[in-house]
């Protein structure tokens, strides 16, 4: 049964296969501002080796620490993988607070992504449900989650977990849970 876990080197092979799926669907280009896109551009050249992958995993784990250096406008973020054993199925990020300015209102507290080969099986809904108690433990009694207006699957995921539509800002729907 899948669960949210801290990134681990044990999922190396499955993670690489998932990233190949993302690349095959066109992710990772300069216009892909998602976490997956950013990671593909920054780490794909080195994460195929065990040492490179270990550095990537350490980087992801360090994002939860307040003292970790990060670009202006980025906030501490707990990165979790949705794994079934060592099978990588997806990723979820919990931002410990909203980023300053419009970015925080656009991105919200929680973001998630299911690998292409594992979609349409309820993983996103289950990931988000599993993340809500973790967000509360981080001091977030309610969370803002956003999705693109045309992303019907993500909208349903949020609503299945109790999300209530707050408003629409440009191409984003904003929900509070």
C-alpha atoms as a PDB file:
ATOM      1  CA  UNK A   1       0.000   0.000   0.000  1.00  0.00           C
ATOM      2  CA  UNK A   2       1.491   3.384  -0.983  1.00  0.00           C
ATOM      3  CA  UNK A   3       2.511   5.936   1.618  1.00  0.00           C
ATOM      4  CA  UNK A   4       4.129   9.351   1.861  1.00  0.00           C
ATOM      5  CA  UNK A   5       7.790   9.041   2.828  1.00  0.00           C
ATOM      6  CA  UNK A   6      10.847  11.240   2.836  1.00  0.00           C
ATOM      7  CA  UNK A   7      12.826  10.950  -0.405  1.00  0.00           C
ATOM      8  CA  UNK A   8      15.067   7.887  -0.300  1.00  0.00           C
ATOM      9  CA  UNK A   9      17.883   6.481  -2.405  1.00  0.00           C
ATOM     10  CA  UNK A  10      16.072   3.120  -2.287  1.00  0.00           C
ATOM     11  CA  UNK A  11      13.689   4.331  -5.016  1.00  0.00           C
ATOM     12  CA  UNK A  12      16.480   5.253  -7.460  1.00  0.00           C
ATOM     13  CA  UNK A  13      15.558   2.950 -10.362  1.00  0.00           C
ATOM     14  CA  UNK A  14      11.837   3.625 -10.130  1.00  0.00           C
ATOM     15  CA  UNK A  15      12.408   7.363  -9.788  1.00  0.00           C
ATOM     16  CA  UNK A  16      14.509   7.405 -12.973  1.00  0.00           C
ATOM     17  CA  UNK A  17      11.807   5.475 -14.832  1.00  0.00           C
ATOM     18  CA  UNK A  18       9.221   8.011 -13.636  1.00  0.00           C
ATOM     19  CA  UNK A  19      11.371  10.906 -14.814  1.00  0.00           C
ATOM     20  CA  UNK A  20      11.643   9.244 -18.241  1.00  0.00           C
ATOM     21  CA  UNK A  21       7.824   9.190 -18.323  1.00  0.00           C
ATOM     22  CA  UNK A  22       7.690  12.896 -17.499  1.00  0.00           C
ATOM     23  CA  UNK A  23      10.231  13.713 -20.218  1.00  0.00           C
ATOM     24  CA  UNK A  24       8.237  11.631 -22.720  1.00  0.00           C
ATOM     25  CA  UNK A  25       5.174  13.798 -22.025  1.00  0.00           C
ATOM     26  CA  UNK A  26       7.243  16.953 -22.638  1.00  0.00           C
ATOM     27  CA  UNK A  27       8.139  17.987 -19.093  1.00  0.00           C
ATOM     28  CA  UNK A  28      11.395  19.677 -18.153  1.00  0.00           C
ATOM     29  CA  UNK A  29      11.481  22.374 -20.803  1.00  0.00           C
ATOM     30  CA  UNK A  30      12.227  26.005 -20.034  1.00  0.00           C
ATOM     31  CA  UNK A  31       8.487  26.712 -19.866  1.00  0.00           C
ATOM     32  CA  UNK A  32       7.885  24.022 -17.200  1.00  0.00           C
ATOM     33  CA  UNK A  33       8.018  25.869 -13.886  1.00  0.00           C
ATOM     34  CA  UNK A  34       6.803  22.888 -11.837  1.00  0.00           C
ATOM     35  CA  UNK A  35       8.985  21.152  -9.272  1.00  0.00           C
ATOM     36  CA  UNK A  36       9.375  18.230 -11.660  1.00  0.00           C
ATOM     37  CA  UNK A  37      10.421  20.580 -14.463  1.00  0.00           C
ATOM     38  CA  UNK A  38      12.910  22.443 -12.279  1.00  0.00           C
ATOM     39  CA  UNK A  39      14.412  19.203 -10.975  1.00  0.00           C
ATOM     40  CA  UNK A  40      14.749  17.744 -14.458  1.00  0.00           C
ATOM     41  CA  UNK A  41      16.666  20.794 -15.628  1.00  0.00           C
ATOM     42  CA  UNK A  42      18.851  21.034 -12.524  1.00  0.00           C
ATOM     43  CA  UNK A  43      19.597  17.388 -11.653  1.00  0.00           C
ATOM     44  CA  UNK A  44      18.855  15.031 -14.563  1.00  0.00           C
ATOM     45  CA  UNK A  45      22.450  15.217 -15.749  1.00  0.00           C
ATOM     46  CA  UNK A  46      23.746  13.783 -12.455  1.00  0.00           C
ATOM     47  CA  UNK A  47      21.007  11.745 -10.772  1.00  0.00           C
ATOM     48  CA  UNK A  48      21.614   8.623 -12.850  1.00  0.00           C
ATOM     49  CA  UNK A  49      24.652   7.769 -10.682  1.00  0.00           C
ATOM     50  CA  UNK A  50      24.195   6.585  -7.096  1.00  0.00           C
ATOM     51  CA  UNK A  51      26.281   9.488  -5.780  1.00  0.00           C
ATOM     52  CA  UNK A  52      24.400  12.055  -7.873  1.00  0.00           C
ATOM     53  CA  UNK A  53      21.066  10.640  -6.783  1.00  0.00           C
ATOM     54  CA  UNK A  54      22.148  10.683  -3.129  1.00  0.00           C
ATOM     55  CA  UNK A  55      23.019  14.387  -3.501  1.00  0.00           C
ATOM     56  CA  UNK A  56      19.596  15.049  -5.038  1.00  0.00           C
ATOM     57  CA  UNK A  57      17.816  13.192  -2.214  1.00  0.00           C
ATOM     58  CA  UNK A  58      19.845  15.132   0.377  1.00  0.00           C
ATOM     59  CA  UNK A  59      18.930  18.394  -1.375  1.00  0.00           C
ATOM     60  CA  UNK A  60      15.205  17.525  -1.263  1.00  0.00           C
ATOM     61  CA  UNK A  61      15.349  16.569   2.428  1.00  0.00           C
ATOM     62  CA  UNK A  62      17.202  19.779   3.284  1.00  0.00           C
ATOM     63  CA  UNK A  63      14.387  21.888   1.836  1.00  0.00           C
ATOM     64  CA  UNK A  64      12.397  21.362   5.054  1.00  0.00           C
ATOM     65  CA  UNK A  65      15.036  23.107   7.153  1.00  0.00           C
ATOM     66  CA  UNK A  66      14.604  26.817   7.843  1.00  0.00           C
ATOM     67  CA  UNK A  67      18.362  27.414   7.605  1.00  0.00           C
ATOM     68  CA  UNK A  68      18.754  25.845   4.148  1.00  0.00           C
ATOM     69  CA  UNK A  69      19.769  28.501   1.612  1.00  0.00           C
ATOM     70  CA  UNK A  70      17.108  28.948  -1.051  1.00  0.00           C
ATOM     71  CA  UNK A  71      16.277  31.463  -3.774  1.00  0.00           C
ATOM     72  CA  UNK A  72      14.501  34.659  -2.801  1.00  0.00           C
ATOM     73  CA  UNK A  73      10.787  34.036  -2.444  1.00  0.00           C
ATOM     74  CA  UNK A  74      11.125  30.322  -1.663  1.00  0.00           C
ATOM     75  CA  UNK A  75      10.082  28.991   1.748  1.00  0.00           C
ATOM     76  CA  UNK A  76      10.912  25.845   3.733  1.00  0.00           C
ATOM     77  CA  UNK A  77       9.161  22.905   2.122  1.00  0.00           C
ATOM     78  CA  UNK A  78       8.717  19.301   3.201  1.00  0.00           C
ATOM     79  CA  UNK A  79       9.146  17.118   0.125  1.00  0.00           C
ATOM     80  CA  UNK A  80       7.544  13.676   0.278  1.00  0.00           C
ATOM     81  CA  UNK A  81       7.384  10.848  -2.202  1.00  0.00           C
ATOM     82  CA  UNK A  82       4.383   8.604  -2.692  1.00  0.00           C
ATOM     83  CA  UNK A  83       5.960   5.154  -2.727  1.00  0.00           C
ATOM     84  CA  UNK A  84       4.633   1.622  -2.872  1.00  0.00           C
ATOM     85  CA  UNK A  85       7.647  -0.188  -1.445  1.00  0.00           C
ATOM     86  CA  UNK A  86      10.408   1.277  -3.598  1.00  0.00           C
ATOM     87  CA  UNK A  87       8.080   2.080  -6.517  1.00  0.00           C
ATOM     88  CA  UNK A  88       7.951   5.843  -7.078  1.00  0.00           C
ATOM     89  CA  UNK A  89       4.374   6.905  -7.830  1.00  0.00           C
ATOM     90  CA  UNK A  90       4.465  10.634  -7.190  1.00  0.00           C
ATOM     91  CA  UNK A  91       5.616  13.614  -5.197  1.00  0.00           C
ATOM     92  CA  UNK A  92       3.993  16.020  -2.768  1.00  0.00           C
ATOM     93  CA  UNK A  93       5.376  19.270  -1.335  1.00  0.00           C
ATOM     94  CA  UNK A  94       4.120  21.001   1.793  1.00  0.00           C
ATOM     95  CA  UNK A  95       5.261  24.598   2.008  1.00  0.00           C
ATOM     96  CA  UNK A  96       5.588  25.528   5.671  1.00  0.00           C
ATOM     97  CA  UNK A  97       4.089  28.946   4.947  1.00  0.00           C
ATOM     98  CA  UNK A  98       2.922  30.790   1.883  1.00  0.00           C
ATOM     99  CA  UNK A  99       5.700  32.307  -0.156  1.00  0.00           C
ATOM    100  CA  UNK A 100       5.754  36.094  -0.006  1.00  0.00           C
ATOM    101  CA  UNK A 101       3.834  38.093  -2.581  1.00  0.00           C
ATOM    102  CA  UNK A 102       1.795  36.773  -5.488  1.00  0.00           C
ATOM    103  CA  UNK A 103       3.779  33.517  -5.707  1.00  0.00           C
ATOM    104  CA  UNK A 104       2.349  32.261  -2.420  1.00  0.00           C
ATOM    105  CA  UNK A 105      -1.190  33.091  -3.450  1.00  0.00           C
ATOM    106  CA  UNK A 106      -0.577  31.355  -6.783  1.00  0.00           C
ATOM    107  CA  UNK A 107       1.120  28.193  -5.515  1.00  0.00           C
ATOM    108  CA  UNK A 108      -0.484  27.663  -2.108  1.00  0.00           C
ATOM    109  CA  UNK A 109       0.771  25.368   0.638  1.00  0.00           C
ATOM    110  CA  UNK A 110       0.594  21.969  -1.057  1.00  0.00           C
ATOM    111  CA  UNK A 111       1.556  20.829  -4.528  1.00  0.00           C
ATOM    112  CA  UNK A 112       1.525  17.293  -5.891  1.00  0.00           C
ATOM    113  CA  UNK A 113       2.302  15.359  -9.039  1.00  0.00           C
ATOM    114  CA  UNK A 114       1.630  11.732  -9.992  1.00  0.00           C
ATOM    115  CA  UNK A 115       3.913  10.042 -12.500  1.00  0.00           C
ATOM    116  CA  UNK A 116       2.219   9.550 -15.880  1.00  0.00           C
ATOM    117  CA  UNK A 117       2.137   5.738 -15.674  1.00  0.00           C
ATOM    118  CA  UNK A 118       0.339   5.824 -12.299  1.00  0.00           C
ATOM    119  CA  UNK A 119      -2.357   8.404 -13.041  1.00  0.00           C
ATOM    120  CA  UNK A 120      -6.112   7.824 -12.876  1.00  0.00           C
ATOM    121  CA  UNK A 121      -5.785   5.343  -9.994  1.00  0.00           C
ATOM    122  CA  UNK A 122      -6.633   7.634  -7.069  1.00  0.00           C
ATOM    123  CA  UNK A 123      -3.044   8.331  -6.035  1.00  0.00           C
ATOM    124  CA  UNK A 124      -3.381  12.128  -5.995  1.00  0.00           C
ATOM    125  CA  UNK A 125      -6.490  11.970  -3.806  1.00  0.00           C
ATOM    126  CA  UNK A 126      -4.810   9.535  -1.414  1.00  0.00           C
ATOM    127  CA  UNK A 127      -1.581  11.579  -1.312  1.00  0.00           C
ATOM    128  CA  UNK A 128      -3.426  14.760  -0.455  1.00  0.00           C
ATOM    129  CA  UNK A 129      -5.484  13.010   2.237  1.00  0.00           C
ATOM    130  CA  UNK A 130      -2.302  11.610   3.780  1.00  0.00           C
ATOM    131  CA  UNK A 131      -0.643  15.045   3.686  1.00  0.00           C
ATOM    132  CA  UNK A 132      -3.338  16.981   5.540  1.00  0.00           C
ATOM    133  CA  UNK A 133      -2.449  15.650   9.036  1.00  0.00           C
ATOM    134  CA  UNK A 134       1.222  16.321   8.266  1.00  0.00           C
ATOM    135  CA  UNK A 135       0.378  19.901   7.327  1.00  0.00           C
ATOM    136  CA  UNK A 136      -1.503  20.302  10.606  1.00  0.00           C
ATOM    137  CA  UNK A 137       1.542  18.959  12.472  1.00  0.00           C
ATOM    138  CA  UNK A 138       3.635  21.629  10.727  1.00  0.00           C
ATOM    139  CA  UNK A 139       1.323  24.287  12.176  1.00  0.00           C
ATOM    140  CA  UNK A 140      -1.008  24.675   9.198  1.00  0.00           C
ATOM    141  CA  UNK A 141      -4.563  24.078  10.463  1.00  0.00           C
ATOM    142  CA  UNK A 142      -5.870  25.009   7.016  1.00  0.00           C
ATOM    143  CA  UNK A 143      -4.068  25.001   3.693  1.00  0.00           C
ATOM    144  CA  UNK A 144      -4.385  26.804   0.397  1.00  0.00           C
ATOM    145  CA  UNK A 145      -4.203  24.579  -2.661  1.00  0.00           C
ATOM    146  CA  UNK A 146      -4.370  25.836  -6.219  1.00  0.00           C
ATOM    147  CA  UNK A 147      -4.847  24.216  -9.594  1.00  0.00           C
ATOM    148  CA  UNK A 148      -5.123  25.392 -13.166  1.00  0.00           C
ATOM    149  CA  UNK A 149      -8.686  26.158 -14.267  1.00  0.00           C
ATOM    150  CA  UNK A 150      -8.470  23.464 -16.945  1.00  0.00           C
ATOM    151  CA  UNK A 151      -7.014  20.758 -14.668  1.00  0.00           C
ATOM    152  CA  UNK A 152     -10.199  18.810 -13.948  1.00  0.00           C
ATOM    153  CA  UNK A 153      -8.362  15.896 -12.284  1.00  0.00           C
ATOM    154  CA  UNK A 154      -6.632  18.171  -9.779  1.00  0.00           C
ATOM    155  CA  UNK A 155      -9.845  20.063  -9.070  1.00  0.00           C
ATOM    156  CA  UNK A 156     -11.614  16.774  -8.271  1.00  0.00           C
ATOM    157  CA  UNK A 157      -8.694  15.688  -6.068  1.00  0.00           C
ATOM    158  CA  UNK A 158      -8.931  18.876  -4.023  1.00  0.00           C
ATOM    159  CA  UNK A 159     -12.719  18.737  -3.747  1.00  0.00           C
ATOM    160  CA  UNK A 160     -12.682  15.049  -2.729  1.00  0.00           C
ATOM    161  CA  UNK A 161     -10.466  16.073   0.175  1.00  0.00           C
ATOM    162  CA  UNK A 162     -12.875  18.765   1.353  1.00  0.00           C
ATOM    163  CA  UNK A 163     -11.503  21.746  -0.554  1.00  0.00           C
ATOM    164  CA  UNK A 164     -13.819  24.705  -0.853  1.00  0.00           C
ATOM    165  CA  UNK A 165     -13.372  27.051  -3.777  1.00  0.00           C
ATOM    166  CA  UNK A 166     -12.262  30.475  -2.547  1.00  0.00           C
ATOM    167  CA  UNK A 167     -11.766  32.272  -5.854  1.00  0.00           C
ATOM    168  CA  UNK A 168     -10.128  32.335  -9.256  1.00  0.00           C
ATOM    169  CA  UNK A 169      -7.019  34.366  -9.963  1.00  0.00           C
ATOM    170  CA  UNK A 170      -6.052  34.422 -13.607  1.00  0.00           C
ATOM    171  CA  UNK A 171      -5.688  30.774 -14.696  1.00  0.00           C
ATOM    172  CA  UNK A 172      -5.668  29.429 -11.107  1.00  0.00           C
ATOM    173  CA  UNK A 173      -8.505  28.174  -8.923  1.00  0.00           C
ATOM    174  CA  UNK A 174      -7.785  28.628  -5.207  1.00  0.00           C
ATOM    175  CA  UNK A 175      -9.186  26.257  -2.590  1.00  0.00           C
ATOM    176  CA  UNK A 176      -8.976  26.181   1.195  1.00  0.00           C
ATOM    177  CA  UNK A 177      -8.926  22.897   3.070  1.00  0.00           C
END
